Amino acid sequence: MRVEKVSPVMSTDAQRDPDEPGAAHVPADELARRQGVQPVTSLDDLARPELFETDEELDRFLADLHTSRHEGAA
């Protein structure tokens, strides 16, 4: 079996291939219009009280989040 090493390729927008799918710039307001997205009018629109079933589950999530944000910080 032959394994070929593939290196990732990165480019800036200026180097994009115009024939590449998705290469065309679409303004955010146009994307929102296409997707039927409406502006947030209240923070209540973002609230998801059912996201965590218990306070303990929320506490575990917050503890894990705190740990992950402080890993490697000295």
N, C-alpha and C. Protein backbone atom coordinates (compact mmCIF):
# COMPACT_ATOMS: atom_id res chain seq x y z
N MET A 1 0.85 -1.17 0.00
CA MET A 1 0.00 0.00 0.00
C MET A 1 0.89 1.24 0.00
N ARG A 2 0.60 2.18 -0.87
CA ARG A 2 1.38 3.40 -0.98
C ARG A 2 0.64 4.54 -0.29
N VAL A 3 1.35 5.27 0.56
CA VAL A 3 0.76 6.41 1.26
C VAL A 3 1.46 7.66 0.78
N GLU A 4 0.67 8.62 0.35
CA GLU A 4 1.23 9.88 -0.15
C GLU A 4 0.96 10.97 0.86
N LYS A 5 2.01 11.71 1.22
CA LYS A 5 1.86 12.81 2.16
C LYS A 5 1.29 14.01 1.42
N VAL A 6 0.25 14.60 2.00
CA VAL A 6 -0.40 15.76 1.40
C VAL A 6 -0.21 16.93 2.35
N SER A 7 0.29 18.03 1.81
CA SER A 7 0.47 19.24 2.62
C SER A 7 -0.74 20.14 2.43
N PRO A 8 -1.20 20.77 3.52
CA PRO A 8 -2.33 21.70 3.38
C PRO A 8 -1.93 22.91 2.56
N VAL A 9 -2.88 23.44 1.83
CA VAL A 9 -2.65 24.61 1.00
C VAL A 9 -3.49 25.75 1.55
N MET A 10 -2.86 26.89 1.75
CA MET A 10 -3.59 28.06 2.24
C MET A 10 -3.37 29.20 1.26
N SER A 11 -4.36 30.04 1.15
CA SER A 11 -4.23 31.21 0.28
C SER A 11 -5.03 32.36 0.87
N THR A 12 -4.73 33.54 0.40
CA THR A 12 -5.53 34.70 0.79
C THR A 12 -6.63 34.86 -0.24
N ASP A 13 -7.58 35.73 0.04
CA ASP A 13 -8.66 35.97 -0.92
C ASP A 13 -8.11 36.42 -2.27
N ALA A 14 -7.01 37.16 -2.25
CA ALA A 14 -6.44 37.66 -3.49
C ALA A 14 -5.90 36.53 -4.35
N GLN A 15 -5.60 35.39 -3.74
CA GLN A 15 -5.04 34.26 -4.47
C GLN A 15 -6.07 33.21 -4.83
N ARG A 16 -7.32 33.45 -4.55
CA ARG A 16 -8.36 32.45 -4.82
C ARG A 16 -8.53 32.21 -6.31
N ASP A 17 -8.85 30.98 -6.61
CA ASP A 17 -9.19 30.60 -7.98
C ASP A 17 -10.63 31.04 -8.22
N PRO A 18 -10.88 31.93 -9.19
CA PRO A 18 -12.25 32.41 -9.41
C PRO A 18 -13.22 31.32 -9.82
N ASP A 19 -12.72 30.19 -10.30
CA ASP A 19 -13.59 29.08 -10.69
C ASP A 19 -13.91 28.15 -9.52
N GLU A 20 -13.27 28.38 -8.39
CA GLU A 20 -13.49 27.55 -7.20
C GLU A 20 -14.89 27.82 -6.65
N PRO A 21 -15.65 26.75 -6.33
CA PRO A 21 -16.99 26.97 -5.76
C PRO A 21 -16.90 27.77 -4.47
N GLY A 22 -17.79 28.72 -4.33
CA GLY A 22 -17.84 29.53 -3.12
C GLY A 22 -16.80 30.63 -3.07
N ALA A 23 -16.07 30.82 -4.15
CA ALA A 23 -15.00 31.81 -4.14
C ALA A 23 -15.54 33.24 -4.21
N ALA A 24 -16.73 33.41 -4.75
CA ALA A 24 -17.28 34.76 -4.90
C ALA A 24 -17.65 35.33 -3.53
N HIS A 25 -17.30 36.58 -3.31
CA HIS A 25 -17.65 37.25 -2.05
C HIS A 25 -19.14 37.60 -2.06
N VAL A 26 -19.81 37.22 -1.00
CA VAL A 26 -21.23 37.57 -0.85
C VAL A 26 -21.35 38.36 0.44
N PRO A 27 -21.86 39.59 0.38
CA PRO A 27 -22.00 40.39 1.59
C PRO A 27 -22.89 39.70 2.63
N ALA A 28 -22.62 39.99 3.90
CA ALA A 28 -23.36 39.35 4.99
C ALA A 28 -24.86 39.61 4.90
N ASP A 29 -25.26 40.83 4.52
CA ASP A 29 -26.70 41.10 4.44
C ASP A 29 -27.36 40.29 3.33
N GLU A 30 -26.62 40.01 2.26
CA GLU A 30 -27.16 39.17 1.19
C GLU A 30 -27.29 37.72 1.65
N LEU A 31 -26.29 37.23 2.37
CA LEU A 31 -26.38 35.87 2.92
C LEU A 31 -27.57 35.74 3.87
N ALA A 32 -27.75 36.75 4.71
CA ALA A 32 -28.88 36.74 5.65
C ALA A 32 -30.20 36.73 4.89
N ARG A 33 -30.30 37.53 3.84
CA ARG A 33 -31.53 37.57 3.04
C ARG A 33 -31.80 36.21 2.42
N ARG A 34 -30.77 35.59 1.85
CA ARG A 34 -30.93 34.27 1.21
C ARG A 34 -31.37 33.20 2.21
N GLN A 35 -30.88 33.32 3.44
CA GLN A 35 -31.18 32.30 4.45
C GLN A 35 -32.41 32.63 5.28
N GLY A 36 -33.01 33.79 5.04
CA GLY A 36 -34.21 34.17 5.78
C GLY A 36 -33.93 34.54 7.22
N VAL A 37 -32.70 34.95 7.51
CA VAL A 37 -32.31 35.32 8.87
C VAL A 37 -32.86 36.69 9.21
N GLN A 38 -33.39 36.82 10.41
CA GLN A 38 -33.93 38.10 10.88
C GLN A 38 -33.00 38.66 11.95
N PRO A 39 -32.95 39.98 12.10
CA PRO A 39 -32.12 40.58 13.15
C PRO A 39 -32.62 40.20 14.54
N VAL A 40 -31.70 40.12 15.48
CA VAL A 40 -32.07 39.87 16.87
C VAL A 40 -32.63 41.17 17.43
N THR A 41 -33.83 41.11 17.94
CA THR A 41 -34.46 42.32 18.49
C THR A 41 -34.46 42.32 20.01
N SER A 42 -34.17 41.17 20.61
CA SER A 42 -34.18 41.05 22.06
C SER A 42 -33.23 39.92 22.46
N LEU A 43 -32.58 40.07 23.60
CA LEU A 43 -31.73 38.98 24.08
C LEU A 43 -32.55 37.73 24.37
N ASP A 44 -33.82 37.90 24.62
CA ASP A 44 -34.69 36.75 24.83
C ASP A 44 -34.73 35.85 23.59
N ASP A 45 -34.49 36.43 22.41
CA ASP A 45 -34.45 35.63 21.18
C ASP A 45 -33.32 34.61 21.21
N LEU A 46 -32.26 34.92 21.97
CA LEU A 46 -31.10 34.04 22.04
C LEU A 46 -31.16 33.06 23.20
N ALA A 47 -32.06 33.26 24.12
CA ALA A 47 -32.15 32.42 25.32
C ALA A 47 -32.60 31.01 24.96
N ARG A 48 -31.97 30.03 25.57
CA ARG A 48 -32.33 28.63 25.38
C ARG A 48 -32.37 27.96 26.75
N PRO A 49 -33.42 28.22 27.54
CA PRO A 49 -33.47 27.69 28.91
C PRO A 49 -33.46 26.16 28.95
N GLU A 50 -33.84 25.50 27.89
CA GLU A 50 -33.88 24.03 27.87
C GLU A 50 -32.54 23.41 27.48
N LEU A 51 -31.51 24.23 27.27
CA LEU A 51 -30.22 23.72 26.81
C LEU A 51 -29.61 22.73 27.80
N PHE A 52 -29.66 23.04 29.09
CA PHE A 52 -29.14 22.14 30.12
C PHE A 52 -30.32 21.64 30.95
N GLU A 53 -30.35 20.32 31.13
CA GLU A 53 -31.48 19.72 31.84
C GLU A 53 -31.45 20.00 33.33
N THR A 54 -30.24 20.14 33.90
CA THR A 54 -30.13 20.37 35.35
C THR A 54 -29.09 21.45 35.63
N ASP A 55 -29.14 22.00 36.83
CA ASP A 55 -28.13 22.97 37.25
C ASP A 55 -26.76 22.31 37.32
N GLU A 56 -26.72 21.03 37.71
CA GLU A 56 -25.45 20.31 37.80
C GLU A 56 -24.81 20.17 36.42
N GLU A 57 -25.63 19.90 35.41
CA GLU A 57 -25.11 19.79 34.04
C GLU A 57 -24.52 21.13 33.59
N LEU A 58 -25.20 22.22 33.89
CA LEU A 58 -24.69 23.55 33.58
C LEU A 58 -23.39 23.82 34.32
N ASP A 59 -23.33 23.46 35.61
CA ASP A 59 -22.11 23.67 36.40
C ASP A 59 -20.94 22.88 35.83
N ARG A 60 -21.17 21.64 35.40
CA ARG A 60 -20.10 20.84 34.79
C ARG A 60 -19.61 21.48 33.50
N PHE A 61 -20.55 21.97 32.69
CA PHE A 61 -20.18 22.64 31.45
C PHE A 61 -19.33 23.88 31.73
N LEU A 62 -19.76 24.71 32.68
CA LEU A 62 -19.02 25.94 33.00
C LEU A 62 -17.64 25.63 33.56
N ALA A 63 -17.53 24.58 34.38
CA ALA A 63 -16.23 24.19 34.92
C ALA A 63 -15.31 23.72 33.80
N ASP A 64 -15.83 22.94 32.86
CA ASP A 64 -15.04 22.47 31.73
C ASP A 64 -14.62 23.64 30.84
N LEU A 65 -15.52 24.56 30.62
CA LEU A 65 -15.22 25.75 29.82
C LEU A 65 -14.11 26.56 30.48
N HIS A 66 -14.22 26.77 31.78
CA HIS A 66 -13.20 27.52 32.53
C HIS A 66 -11.84 26.82 32.40
N THR A 67 -11.83 25.51 32.58
CA THR A 67 -10.58 24.75 32.48
C THR A 67 -9.97 24.87 31.09
N SER A 68 -10.78 24.70 30.06
CA SER A 68 -10.25 24.75 28.70
C SER A 68 -9.72 26.13 28.34
N ARG A 69 -10.31 27.18 28.89
CA ARG A 69 -9.84 28.54 28.61
C ARG A 69 -8.55 28.87 29.33
N HIS A 70 -8.27 28.16 30.42
CA HIS A 70 -7.08 28.46 31.20
C HIS A 70 -5.98 27.42 31.04
N GLU A 71 -6.15 26.43 30.16
CA GLU A 71 -5.10 25.45 29.91
C GLU A 71 -3.89 26.16 29.31
N GLY A 72 -2.74 25.86 29.84
CA GLY A 72 -1.51 26.44 29.31
C GLY A 72 -1.25 27.86 29.76
N ALA A 73 -2.18 28.47 30.47
CA ALA A 73 -1.96 29.83 30.95
C ALA A 73 -1.15 29.76 32.25
N ALA A 74 -0.12 30.57 32.31
CA ALA A 74 0.71 30.55 33.53
C ALA A 74 0.91 31.94 34.06
